[in-house]
Amino acid sequence: MPLYDYRCRACAHEFEALIRPGSETPSCPSCKGEDLERLLSAPAGVTSPERNVALARAERKRWAPVHKGREHEEFQAALKEHEEHRMNAAQTKKHKDD
């Protein structure tokens, strides 16, 4: 199944689409338009350094909110675990003093 690059003539949005043999032309994910221009795309594995940098930036931007959310969740879990440990230690000390 080939992967094609498209540009929507209505809104100028560029996107990639995986096309199955015999399937119809995709629609624009942005405006749902079907007036698309198929672009020339680089063969797999052959890209320019500029394209690699642009792809890496786009990927980092796409995953940034997910990473920040995960970091926050991990911090909150560690904080909760620390607080539980501190409370257990305080209770254990209190029982030893009694």
PDB file of N, CA and C in Angstrom:
ATOM      1  N   MET A   1       0.840  -1.170   0.000  1.00  0.00           N
ATOM      2  CA  MET A   1       0.000   0.000   0.000  1.00  0.00           C
ATOM      3  C   MET A   1       0.891   1.241   0.000  1.00  0.00           C
ATOM      4  N   PRO A   2       0.785   2.032  -1.027  1.00  0.00           N
ATOM      5  CA  PRO A   2       1.651   3.218  -1.105  1.00  0.00           C
ATOM      6  C   PRO A   2       1.144   4.361  -0.223  1.00  0.00           C
ATOM      7  N   LEU A   3       2.087   5.146   0.220  1.00  0.00           N
ATOM      8  CA  LEU A   3       1.806   6.324   1.015  1.00  0.00           C
ATOM      9  C   LEU A   3       2.026   7.535   0.118  1.00  0.00           C
ATOM     10  N   TYR A   4       0.986   8.348  -0.073  1.00  0.00           N
ATOM     11  CA  TYR A   4       1.064   9.504  -0.953  1.00  0.00           C
ATOM     12  C   TYR A   4       0.923  10.791  -0.159  1.00  0.00           C
ATOM     13  N   ASP A   5       1.577  11.842  -0.659  1.00  0.00           N
ATOM     14  CA  ASP A   5       1.415  13.187  -0.111  1.00  0.00           C
ATOM     15  C   ASP A   5       0.379  13.917  -0.956  1.00  0.00           C
ATOM     16  N   TYR A   6      -0.490  14.652  -0.280  1.00  0.00           N
ATOM     17  CA  TYR A   6      -1.539  15.410  -0.966  1.00  0.00           C
ATOM     18  C   TYR A   6      -1.571  16.847  -0.455  1.00  0.00           C
ATOM     19  N   ARG A   7      -2.059  17.748  -1.307  1.00  0.00           N
ATOM     20  CA  ARG A   7      -2.355  19.130  -0.914  1.00  0.00           C
ATOM     21  C   ARG A   7      -3.784  19.410  -1.332  1.00  0.00           C
ATOM     22  N   CYS A   8      -4.563  19.912  -0.404  1.00  0.00           N
ATOM     23  CA  CYS A   8      -5.950  20.257  -0.690  1.00  0.00           C
ATOM     24  C   CYS A   8      -5.964  21.594  -1.441  1.00  0.00           C
ATOM     25  N   ARG A   9      -6.644  21.635  -2.555  1.00  0.00           N
ATOM     26  CA  ARG A   9      -6.724  22.874  -3.332  1.00  0.00           C
ATOM     27  C   ARG A   9      -7.662  23.886  -2.671  1.00  0.00           C
ATOM     28  N   ALA A  10      -8.552  23.432  -1.813  1.00  0.00           N
ATOM     29  CA  ALA A  10      -9.499  24.333  -1.159  1.00  0.00           C
ATOM     30  C   ALA A  10      -8.863  25.079   0.018  1.00  0.00           C
ATOM     31  N   CYS A  11      -8.141  24.355   0.869  1.00  0.00           N
ATOM     32  CA  CYS A  11      -7.593  24.984   2.083  1.00  0.00           C
ATOM     33  C   CYS A  11      -6.066  24.964   2.151  1.00  0.00           C
ATOM     34  N   ALA A  12      -5.392  24.360   1.178  1.00  0.00           N
ATOM     35  CA  ALA A  12      -3.921  24.284   1.090  1.00  0.00           C
ATOM     36  C   ALA A  12      -3.293  23.408   2.179  1.00  0.00           C
ATOM     37  N   HIS A  13      -4.093  22.598   2.850  1.00  0.00           N
ATOM     38  CA  HIS A  13      -3.569  21.683   3.870  1.00  0.00           C
ATOM     39  C   HIS A  13      -2.813  20.550   3.181  1.00  0.00           C
ATOM     40  N   GLU A  14      -1.602  20.243   3.682  1.00  0.00           N
ATOM     41  CA  GLU A  14      -0.822  19.127   3.146  1.00  0.00           C
ATOM     42  C   GLU A  14      -0.877  17.968   4.130  1.00  0.00           C
ATOM     43  N   PHE A  15      -1.037  16.762   3.589  1.00  0.00           N
ATOM     44  CA  PHE A  15      -1.134  15.582   4.453  1.00  0.00           C
ATOM     45  C   PHE A  15      -0.695  14.352   3.677  1.00  0.00           C
ATOM     46  N   GLU A  16      -0.491  13.260   4.414  1.00  0.00           N
ATOM     47  CA  GLU A  16      -0.139  11.972   3.816  1.00  0.00           C
ATOM     48  C   GLU A  16      -1.331  11.037   3.961  1.00  0.00           C
ATOM     49  N   ALA A  17      -1.467  10.155   3.000  1.00  0.00           N
ATOM     50  CA  ALA A  17      -2.549   9.173   3.067  1.00  0.00           C
ATOM     51  C   ALA A  17      -2.045   7.833   2.549  1.00  0.00           C
ATOM     52  N   LEU A  18      -2.418   6.778   3.247  1.00  0.00           N
ATOM     53  CA  LEU A  18      -2.099   5.421   2.835  1.00  0.00           C
ATOM     54  C   LEU A  18      -3.231   4.952   1.932  1.00  0.00           C
ATOM     55  N   ILE A  19      -2.902   4.643   0.689  1.00  0.00           N
ATOM     56  CA  ILE A  19      -3.919   4.317  -0.305  1.00  0.00           C
ATOM     57  C   ILE A  19      -3.870   2.835  -0.650  1.00  0.00           C
ATOM     58  N   ARG A  20      -5.000   2.175  -0.496  1.00  0.00           N
ATOM     59  CA  ARG A  20      -5.115   0.764  -0.882  1.00  0.00           C
ATOM     60  C   ARG A  20      -5.431   0.687  -2.371  1.00  0.00           C
ATOM     61  N   PRO A  21      -4.935  -0.333  -3.040  1.00  0.00           N
ATOM     62  CA  PRO A  21      -5.245  -0.484  -4.460  1.00  0.00           C
ATOM     63  C   PRO A  21      -6.758  -0.586  -4.676  1.00  0.00           C
ATOM     64  N   GLY A  22      -7.257   0.192  -5.630  1.00  0.00           N
ATOM     65  CA  GLY A  22      -8.674   0.170  -5.947  1.00  0.00           C
ATOM     66  C   GLY A  22      -9.532   1.058  -5.068  1.00  0.00           C
ATOM     67  N   SER A  23      -8.936   1.707  -4.066  1.00  0.00           N
ATOM     68  CA  SER A  23      -9.736   2.583  -3.204  1.00  0.00           C
ATOM     69  C   SER A  23      -9.842   3.963  -3.837  1.00  0.00           C
ATOM     70  N   GLU A  24     -10.808   4.722  -3.372  1.00  0.00           N
ATOM     71  CA  GLU A  24     -11.014   6.049  -3.938  1.00  0.00           C
ATOM     72  C   GLU A  24     -10.040   7.057  -3.323  1.00  0.00           C
ATOM     73  N   THR A  25      -9.936   8.221  -3.951  1.00  0.00           N
ATOM     74  CA  THR A  25      -9.055   9.275  -3.475  1.00  0.00           C
ATOM     75  C   THR A  25      -9.536   9.736  -2.100  1.00  0.00           C
ATOM     76  N   PRO A  26      -8.608   9.973  -1.175  1.00  0.00           N
ATOM     77  CA  PRO A  26      -9.017  10.391   0.168  1.00  0.00           C
ATOM     78  C   PRO A  26      -9.572  11.817   0.171  1.00  0.00           C
ATOM     79  N   SER A  27     -10.150  12.200   1.285  1.00  0.00           N
ATOM     80  CA  SER A  27     -10.610  13.574   1.442  1.00  0.00           C
ATOM     81  C   SER A  27      -9.675  14.288   2.418  1.00  0.00           C
ATOM     82  N   CYS A  28      -9.671  15.598   2.364  1.00  0.00           N
ATOM     83  CA  CYS A  28      -8.814  16.419   3.217  1.00  0.00           C
ATOM     84  C   CYS A  28      -9.255  16.264   4.673  1.00  0.00           C
ATOM     85  N   PRO A  29      -8.329  15.936   5.594  1.00  0.00           N
ATOM     86  CA  PRO A  29      -8.714  15.799   7.000  1.00  0.00           C
ATOM     87  C   PRO A  29      -9.073  17.141   7.641  1.00  0.00           C
ATOM     88  N   SER A  30      -8.650  18.234   7.025  1.00  0.00           N
ATOM     89  CA  SER A  30      -8.915  19.551   7.582  1.00  0.00           C
ATOM     90  C   SER A  30     -10.296  20.081   7.209  1.00  0.00           C
ATOM     91  N   CYS A  31     -10.601  20.071   5.882  1.00  0.00           N
ATOM     92  CA  CYS A  31     -11.869  20.662   5.427  1.00  0.00           C
ATOM     93  C   CYS A  31     -12.802  19.645   4.775  1.00  0.00           C
ATOM     94  N   LYS A  32     -12.370  18.385   4.690  1.00  0.00           N
ATOM     95  CA  LYS A  32     -13.143  17.295   4.075  1.00  0.00           C
ATOM     96  C   LYS A  32     -13.321  17.469   2.566  1.00  0.00           C
ATOM     97  N   GLY A  33     -12.544  18.399   1.967  1.00  0.00           N
ATOM     98  CA  GLY A  33     -12.620  18.609   0.520  1.00  0.00           C
ATOM     99  C   GLY A  33     -12.023  17.442  -0.243  1.00  0.00           C
ATOM    100  N   GLU A  34     -12.459  17.257  -1.470  1.00  0.00           N
ATOM    101  CA  GLU A  34     -11.959  16.151  -2.290  1.00  0.00           C
ATOM    102  C   GLU A  34     -11.183  16.627  -3.508  1.00  0.00           C
ATOM    103  N   ASP A  35     -10.978  17.946  -3.645  1.00  0.00           N
ATOM    104  CA  ASP A  35     -10.189  18.493  -4.745  1.00  0.00           C
ATOM    105  C   ASP A  35      -8.733  18.529  -4.288  1.00  0.00           C
ATOM    106  N   LEU A  36      -8.026  17.422  -4.499  1.00  0.00           N
ATOM    107  CA  LEU A  36      -6.677  17.248  -3.990  1.00  0.00           C
ATOM    108  C   LEU A  36      -5.653  17.198  -5.113  1.00  0.00           C
ATOM    109  N   GLU A  37      -4.458  17.645  -4.795  1.00  0.00           N
ATOM    110  CA  GLU A  37      -3.323  17.544  -5.709  1.00  0.00           C
ATOM    111  C   GLU A  37      -2.348  16.556  -5.097  1.00  0.00           C
ATOM    112  N   ARG A  38      -2.000  15.517  -5.853  1.00  0.00           N
ATOM    113  CA  ARG A  38      -1.034  14.553  -5.346  1.00  0.00           C
ATOM    114  C   ARG A  38       0.359  15.128  -5.561  1.00  0.00           C
ATOM    115  N   LEU A  39       1.148  15.190  -4.505  1.00  0.00           N
ATOM    116  CA  LEU A  39       2.475  15.784  -4.552  1.00  0.00           C
ATOM    117  C   LEU A  39       3.530  14.719  -4.785  1.00  0.00           C
ATOM    118  N   LEU A  40       4.659  15.160  -5.276  1.00  0.00           N
ATOM    119  CA  LEU A  40       5.801  14.258  -5.397  1.00  0.00           C
ATOM    120  C   LEU A  40       6.377  14.070  -4.006  1.00  0.00           C
ATOM    121  N   SER A  41       6.582  12.853  -3.623  1.00  0.00           N
ATOM    122  CA  SER A  41       7.157  12.592  -2.309  1.00  0.00           C
ATOM    123  C   SER A  41       8.483  11.876  -2.486  1.00  0.00           C
ATOM    124  N   ALA A  42       9.353  12.068  -1.503  1.00  0.00           N
ATOM    125  CA  ALA A  42      10.659  11.425  -1.553  1.00  0.00           C
ATOM    126  C   ALA A  42      10.488   9.925  -1.343  1.00  0.00           C
ATOM    127  N   PRO A  43      11.264   9.110  -2.038  1.00  0.00           N
ATOM    128  CA  PRO A  43      11.199   7.663  -1.801  1.00  0.00           C
ATOM    129  C   PRO A  43      11.582   7.355  -0.351  1.00  0.00           C
ATOM    130  N   ALA A  44      11.061   6.271   0.157  1.00  0.00           N
ATOM    131  CA  ALA A  44      11.344   5.882   1.536  1.00  0.00           C
ATOM    132  C   ALA A  44      12.837   5.735   1.761  1.00  0.00           C
ATOM    133  N   GLY A  45      13.333   6.321   2.817  1.00  0.00           N
ATOM    134  CA  GLY A  45      14.745   6.205   3.154  1.00  0.00           C
ATOM    135  C   GLY A  45      15.617   7.248   2.484  1.00  0.00           C
ATOM    136  N   VAL A  46      15.079   8.033   1.567  1.00  0.00           N
ATOM    137  CA  VAL A  46      15.868   9.047   0.880  1.00  0.00           C
ATOM    138  C   VAL A  46      15.244  10.401   1.194  1.00  0.00           C
ATOM    139  N   THR A  47      15.802  11.067   2.179  1.00  0.00           N
ATOM    140  CA  THR A  47      15.289  12.371   2.551  1.00  0.00           C
ATOM    141  C   THR A  47      16.449  13.343   2.718  1.00  0.00           C
ATOM    142  N   SER A  48      16.128  14.606   2.635  1.00  0.00           N
ATOM    143  CA  SER A  48      17.154  15.626   2.808  1.00  0.00           C
ATOM    144  C   SER A  48      17.330  15.908   4.297  1.00  0.00           C
ATOM    145  N   PRO A  49      18.475  16.463   4.678  1.00  0.00           N
ATOM    146  CA  PRO A  49      18.671  16.810   6.094  1.00  0.00           C
ATOM    147  C   PRO A  49      17.629  17.818   6.584  1.00  0.00           C
ATOM    148  N   GLU A  50      17.221  18.743   5.722  1.00  0.00           N
ATOM    149  CA  GLU A  50      16.216  19.727   6.119  1.00  0.00           C
ATOM    150  C   GLU A  50      14.885  19.057   6.420  1.00  0.00           C
ATOM    151  N   ARG A  51      14.512  18.083   5.586  1.00  0.00           N
ATOM    152  CA  ARG A  51      13.254  17.368   5.820  1.00  0.00           C
ATOM    153  C   ARG A  51      13.329  16.557   7.109  1.00  0.00           C
ATOM    154  N   ASN A  52      14.482  15.949   7.369  1.00  0.00           N
ATOM    155  CA  ASN A  52      14.643  15.184   8.608  1.00  0.00           C
ATOM    156  C   ASN A  52      14.477  16.080   9.830  1.00  0.00           C
ATOM    157  N   VAL A  53      15.072  17.281   9.785  1.00  0.00           N
ATOM    158  CA  VAL A  53      14.956  18.217  10.899  1.00  0.00           C
ATOM    159  C   VAL A  53      13.501  18.647  11.066  1.00  0.00           C
ATOM    160  N   ALA A  54      12.840  18.949   9.950  1.00  0.00           N
ATOM    161  CA  ALA A  54      11.438  19.367  10.018  1.00  0.00           C
ATOM    162  C   ALA A  54      10.561  18.248  10.572  1.00  0.00           C
ATOM    163  N   LEU A  55      10.800  17.020  10.146  1.00  0.00           N
ATOM    164  CA  LEU A  55      10.028  15.890  10.649  1.00  0.00           C
ATOM    165  C   LEU A  55      10.267  15.682  12.146  1.00  0.00           C
ATOM    166  N   ALA A  56      11.516  15.813  12.587  1.00  0.00           N
ATOM    167  CA  ALA A  56      11.835  15.649  14.007  1.00  0.00           C
ATOM    168  C   ALA A  56      11.152  16.730  14.838  1.00  0.00           C
ATOM    169  N   ARG A  57      11.169  17.980  14.351  1.00  0.00           N
ATOM    170  CA  ARG A  57      10.499  19.066  15.075  1.00  0.00           C
ATOM    171  C   ARG A  57       8.995  18.815  15.183  1.00  0.00           C
ATOM    172  N   ALA A  58       8.415  18.407  14.079  1.00  0.00           N
ATOM    173  CA  ALA A  58       6.974  18.147  14.079  1.00  0.00           C
ATOM    174  C   ALA A  58       6.621  17.022  15.048  1.00  0.00           C
ATOM    175  N   GLU A  59       7.438  15.993  15.087  1.00  0.00           N
ATOM    176  CA  GLU A  59       7.185  14.863  15.985  1.00  0.00           C
ATOM    177  C   GLU A  59       7.323  15.291  17.452  1.00  0.00           C
ATOM    178  N   ARG A  60       8.360  16.078  17.757  1.00  0.00           N
ATOM    179  CA  ARG A  60       8.523  16.570  19.132  1.00  0.00           C
ATOM    180  C   ARG A  60       7.341  17.447  19.539  1.00  0.00           C
ATOM    181  N   LYS A  61       6.903  18.308  18.626  1.00  0.00           N
ATOM    182  CA  LYS A  61       5.777  19.195  18.919  1.00  0.00           C
ATOM    183  C   LYS A  61       4.512  18.379  19.158  1.00  0.00           C
ATOM    184  N   ARG A  62       4.333  17.337  18.346  1.00  0.00           N
ATOM    185  CA  ARG A  62       3.141  16.504  18.475  1.00  0.00           C
ATOM    186  C   ARG A  62       3.120  15.767  19.815  1.00  0.00           C
ATOM    187  N   TRP A  63       4.277  15.293  20.287  1.00  0.00           N
ATOM    188  CA  TRP A  63       4.324  14.501  21.512  1.00  0.00           C
ATOM    189  C   TRP A  63       4.542  15.323  22.769  1.00  0.00           C
ATOM    190  N   ALA A  64       4.862  16.612  22.648  1.00  0.00           N
ATOM    191  CA  ALA A  64       5.168  17.441  23.820  1.00  0.00           C
ATOM    192  C   ALA A  64       4.071  17.410  24.878  1.00  0.00           C
ATOM    193  N   PRO A  65       2.804  17.634  24.515  1.00  0.00           N
ATOM    194  CA  PRO A  65       1.765  17.605  25.559  1.00  0.00           C
ATOM    195  C   PRO A  65       1.650  16.244  26.249  1.00  0.00           C
ATOM    196  N   VAL A  66       1.851  15.166  25.512  1.00  0.00           N
ATOM    197  CA  VAL A  66       1.766  13.822  26.094  1.00  0.00           C
ATOM    198  C   VAL A  66       2.884  13.617  27.107  1.00  0.00           C
ATOM    199  N   HIS A  67       4.115  14.046  26.722  1.00  0.00           N
ATOM    200  CA  HIS A  67       5.245  13.883  27.633  1.00  0.00           C
ATOM    201  C   HIS A  67       5.052  14.714  28.903  1.00  0.00           C
ATOM    202  N   LYS A  68       4.582  15.951  28.756  1.00  0.00           N
ATOM    203  CA  LYS A  68       4.364  16.797  29.932  1.00  0.00           C
ATOM    204  C   LYS A  68       3.306  16.175  30.838  1.00  0.00           C
ATOM    205  N   GLY A  69       2.272  15.616  30.243  1.00  0.00           N
ATOM    206  CA  GLY A  69       1.235  14.961  31.036  1.00  0.00           C
ATOM    207  C   GLY A  69       1.767  13.753  31.778  1.00  0.00           C
ATOM    208  N   ARG A  70       2.591  12.960  31.101  1.00  0.00           N
ATOM    209  CA  ARG A  70       3.168  11.776  31.745  1.00  0.00           C
ATOM    210  C   ARG A  70       4.111  12.180  32.865  1.00  0.00           C
ATOM    211  N   GLU A  71       4.926  13.216  32.628  1.00  0.00           N
ATOM    212  CA  GLU A  71       5.842  13.677  33.662  1.00  0.00           C
ATOM    213  C   GLU A  71       5.057  14.127  34.897  1.00  0.00           C
ATOM    214  N   HIS A  72       3.965  14.842  34.682  1.00  0.00           N
ATOM    215  CA  HIS A  72       3.150  15.312  35.796  1.00  0.00           C
ATOM    216  C   HIS A  72       2.544  14.131  36.554  1.00  0.00           C
ATOM    217  N   GLU A  73       2.028  13.158  35.817  1.00  0.00           N
ATOM    218  CA  GLU A  73       1.438  11.972  36.455  1.00  0.00           C
ATOM    219  C   GLU A  73       2.480  11.212  37.272  1.00  0.00           C
ATOM    220  N   GLU A  74       3.693  11.054  36.712  1.00  0.00           N
ATOM    221  CA  GLU A  74       4.749  10.349  37.431  1.00  0.00           C
ATOM    222  C   GLU A  74       5.159  11.120  38.678  1.00  0.00           C
ATOM    223  N   PHE A  75       5.237  12.442  38.576  1.00  0.00           N
ATOM    224  CA  PHE A  75       5.582  13.257  39.731  1.00  0.00           C
ATOM    225  C   PHE A  75       4.527  13.124  40.819  1.00  0.00           C
ATOM    226  N   GLN A  76       3.246  13.180  40.437  1.00  0.00           N
ATOM    227  CA  GLN A  76       2.167  13.070  41.414  1.00  0.00           C
ATOM    228  C   GLN A  76       2.184  11.698  42.096  1.00  0.00           C
ATOM    229  N   ALA A  77       2.455  10.641  41.326  1.00  0.00           N
ATOM    230  CA  ALA A  77       2.509   9.292  41.897  1.00  0.00           C
ATOM    231  C   ALA A  77       3.672   9.173  42.883  1.00  0.00           C
ATOM    232  N   ALA A  78       4.829   9.729  42.531  1.00  0.00           N
ATOM    233  CA  ALA A  78       5.986   9.675  43.426  1.00  0.00           C
ATOM    234  C   ALA A  78       5.720  10.486  44.695  1.00  0.00           C
ATOM    235  N   LEU A  79       5.073  11.630  44.529  1.00  0.00           N
ATOM    236  CA  LEU A  79       4.739  12.467  45.675  1.00  0.00           C
ATOM    237  C   LEU A  79       3.784  11.743  46.625  1.00  0.00           C
ATOM    238  N   LYS A  80       2.782  11.077  46.060  1.00  0.00           N
ATOM    239  CA  LYS A  80       1.818  10.324  46.869  1.00  0.00           C
ATOM    240  C   LYS A  80       2.518   9.180  47.611  1.00  0.00           C
ATOM    241  N   GLU A  81       3.395   8.457  46.895  1.00  0.00           N
ATOM    242  CA  GLU A  81       4.118   7.353  47.511  1.00  0.00           C
ATOM    243  C   GLU A  81       5.001   7.858  48.651  1.00  0.00           C
ATOM    244  N   HIS A  82       5.661   8.987  48.422  1.00  0.00           N
ATOM    245  CA  HIS A  82       6.517   9.570  49.461  1.00  0.00           C
ATOM    246  C   HIS A  82       5.688   9.950  50.688  1.00  0.00           C
ATOM    247  N   GLU A  83       4.536  10.572  50.465  1.00  0.00           N
ATOM    248  CA  GLU A  83       3.667  10.994  51.568  1.00  0.00           C
ATOM    249  C   GLU A  83       3.161   9.778  52.361  1.00  0.00           C
ATOM    250  N   GLU A  84       2.788   8.709  51.642  1.00  0.00           N
ATOM    251  CA  GLU A  84       2.327   7.486  52.321  1.00  0.00           C
ATOM    252  C   GLU A  84       3.453   6.882  53.160  1.00  0.00           C
ATOM    253  N   HIS A  85       4.656   6.869  52.615  1.00  0.00           N
ATOM    254  CA  HIS A  85       5.807   6.324  53.338  1.00  0.00           C
ATOM    255  C   HIS A  85       6.081   7.155  54.597  1.00  0.00           C
ATOM    256  N   ARG A  86       6.008   8.475  54.455  1.00  0.00           N
ATOM    257  CA  ARG A  86       6.243   9.376  55.588  1.00  0.00           C
ATOM    258  C   ARG A  86       5.196   9.147  56.678  1.00  0.00           C
ATOM    259  N   MET A  87       3.927   8.980  56.274  1.00  0.00           N
ATOM    260  CA  MET A  87       2.856   8.760  57.248  1.00  0.00           C
ATOM    261  C   MET A  87       3.034   7.412  57.953  1.00  0.00           C
ATOM    262  N   ASN A  88       3.411   6.382  57.204  1.00  0.00           N
ATOM    263  CA  ASN A  88       3.646   5.062  57.805  1.00  0.00           C
ATOM    264  C   ASN A  88       4.808   5.108  58.790  1.00  0.00           C
ATOM    265  N   ALA A  89       5.858   5.835  58.430  1.00  0.00           N
ATOM    266  CA  ALA A  89       7.009   5.953  59.329  1.00  0.00           C
ATOM    267  C   ALA A  89       6.612   6.689  60.594  1.00  0.00           C
ATOM    268  N   ALA A  90       5.784   7.705  60.489  1.00  0.00           N
ATOM    269  CA  ALA A  90       5.351   8.470  61.661  1.00  0.00           C
ATOM    270  C   ALA A  90       4.475   7.589  62.561  1.00  0.00           C
ATOM    271  N   GLN A  91       3.599   6.789  61.978  1.00  0.00           N
ATOM    272  CA  GLN A  91       2.742   5.898  62.777  1.00  0.00           C
ATOM    273  C   GLN A  91       3.580   4.829  63.473  1.00  0.00           C
ATOM    274  N   THR A  92       4.568   4.294  62.765  1.00  0.00           N
ATOM    275  CA  THR A  92       5.427   3.266  63.355  1.00  0.00           C
ATOM    276  C   THR A  92       6.190   3.848  64.534  1.00  0.00           C
ATOM    277  N   LYS A  93       6.709   5.039  64.397  1.00  0.00           N
ATOM    278  CA  LYS A  93       7.446   5.696  65.483  1.00  0.00           C
ATOM    279  C   LYS A  93       6.531   5.955  66.667  1.00  0.00           C
ATOM    280  N   LYS A  94       5.294   6.370  66.402  1.00  0.00           N
ATOM    281  CA  LYS A  94       4.328   6.654  67.462  1.00  0.00           C
ATOM    282  C   LYS A  94       4.022   5.391  68.263  1.00  0.00           C
ATOM    283  N   HIS A  95       3.863   4.245  67.564  1.00  0.00           N
ATOM    284  CA  HIS A  95       3.565   2.978  68.243  1.00  0.00           C
ATOM    285  C   HIS A  95       4.765   2.515  69.077  1.00  0.00           C
ATOM    286  N   LYS A  96       5.975   2.759  68.614  1.00  0.00           N
ATOM    287  CA  LYS A  96       7.168   2.367  69.366  1.00  0.00           C
ATOM    288  C   LYS A  96       7.314   3.203  70.636  1.00  0.00           C
ATOM    289  N   ASP A  97       6.893   4.473  70.550  1.00  0.00           N
ATOM    290  CA  ASP A  97       7.003   5.365  71.704  1.00  0.00           C
ATOM    291  C   ASP A  97       5.975   5.004  72.781  1.00  0.00           C
ATOM    292  N   ASP A  98       4.873   4.389  72.389  1.00  0.00           N
ATOM    293  CA  ASP A  98       3.808   4.060  73.355  1.00  0.00           C
ATOM    294  C   ASP A  98       4.145   2.882  74.185  1.00  0.00           C
TER     295      ASP A  98
END
